Protein backbone atom coordinates (compact mmCIF):
# COMPACT_ATOMS: atom_id res chain seq x y z
CA MET A 1 120.20 128.52 93.35
CA SER A 2 118.58 130.50 90.55
CA ARG A 3 115.42 128.87 89.25
CA THR A 4 112.79 130.41 87.04
CA LEU A 5 109.24 129.68 88.16
CA THR A 6 106.46 129.64 85.56
CA VAL A 7 102.98 131.09 86.09
CA GLY A 8 101.58 127.55 86.05
CA GLN A 9 104.02 126.40 88.74
CA LEU A 10 103.24 129.46 90.88
CA VAL A 11 99.48 128.94 90.55
CA HIS A 12 99.89 125.25 91.40
CA GLN A 13 101.82 126.12 94.57
CA LEU A 14 99.36 128.84 95.62
CA GLN A 15 96.08 127.01 94.90
CA THR A 16 96.31 124.82 98.01
CA LEU A 17 96.65 127.84 100.34
CA ASP A 18 94.01 129.92 102.10
CA PRO A 19 93.11 132.70 99.62
CA ASP A 20 92.85 135.20 102.48
CA GLN A 21 96.47 134.73 103.62
CA PRO A 22 98.75 137.74 103.05
CA VAL A 23 101.57 137.28 100.52
CA PHE A 24 105.08 138.72 100.83
CA LEU A 25 108.29 138.43 98.85
CA ALA A 26 111.30 136.97 100.67
CA ILE A 27 114.28 139.04 99.55
CA ASN A 28 118.03 138.34 99.76
CA PRO A 29 119.24 135.50 102.02
CA ASP A 30 122.09 137.72 103.30
CA TRP A 31 119.61 140.38 104.53
CA PRO A 32 116.38 138.37 104.91
CA PHE A 33 113.50 140.81 104.80
CA ALA A 34 109.87 140.35 103.85
CA HIS A 35 108.49 142.76 101.24
CA GLY A 36 104.89 143.50 100.29
CA ILE A 37 103.54 143.01 96.79
CA SER A 38 101.77 145.84 94.99
CA GLN A 39 100.82 144.44 91.60
CA VAL A 40 101.50 141.91 88.87
CA VAL A 41 102.22 142.98 85.29
CA THR A 42 103.13 141.35 82.00
CA ALA A 43 105.76 142.92 79.75
CA ALA A 44 107.50 141.95 76.53
CA ASP A 45 111.01 140.56 76.96
CA GLY A 46 112.35 139.85 73.52
CA PRO A 47 110.10 137.44 71.61
CA SER A 48 108.03 136.45 74.66
CA ASN A 49 106.13 138.00 77.54
CA VAL A 50 107.31 137.84 81.14
CA VAL A 51 105.29 138.31 84.35
CA TYR A 52 106.70 140.72 86.95
CA ILE A 53 105.59 140.96 90.57
CA ALA A 54 106.16 144.46 91.92
CA GLU A 55 107.60 144.96 95.40
CA ASN A 56 105.71 147.37 97.68
CA GLY A 57 108.02 148.20 100.56
CA GLN A 58 109.78 146.35 103.32
CA GLU A 59 107.62 144.76 106.00
CA GLY A 60 110.37 143.68 108.40
CA TYR A 61 112.69 140.73 108.96
CA LEU A 62 111.76 137.42 107.43
CA PRO A 63 110.66 135.08 110.25
CA THR A 64 113.08 132.34 111.28
CA THR A 65 110.58 129.67 110.20
CA ALA A 66 110.41 131.13 106.68
CA ARG A 67 114.22 131.33 106.47
CA ALA A 68 114.42 127.66 107.51
CA GLU A 69 111.85 126.64 104.84
CA LEU A 70 113.88 128.54 102.22
CA ASP A 71 117.13 127.00 103.53
CA TRP A 72 118.52 130.48 104.19
CA SER A 73 120.80 129.73 107.12
CA TRP A 74 121.33 133.36 108.07
CA SER A 75 121.74 134.21 111.74
CA LEU A 76 123.02 137.07 113.82
CA PRO A 77 126.67 136.77 114.91
CA GLU A 78 127.13 135.66 118.50
CA GLY A 79 128.47 138.13 121.02
CA PRO A 80 131.77 137.85 122.94
C-alpha cells in the first residue's frame, strides 16, 4: 500500500480543487482520524531533499465517504 507521492503529483491532484477548501491528513486506516496541517518544509535526506507536511492536531474521525474513497474498510464492530 505504500506509495511515495512526488511534489508534482501532489500539485497535479490539488490544482483541480477549490483553493478555499480546507485540507486534512487522513491518518491510519485502523484508527481513521483526520488531522490538520500546520506547515510544509523541505529537509535534506541523504543526497536529496524531501518535503514534509507537518501534522497540526487531530480534528476528529475521518468521514465514512473519505474512508470509502481511500478504500479503508474500517467499521465499528456490531453489537450483540
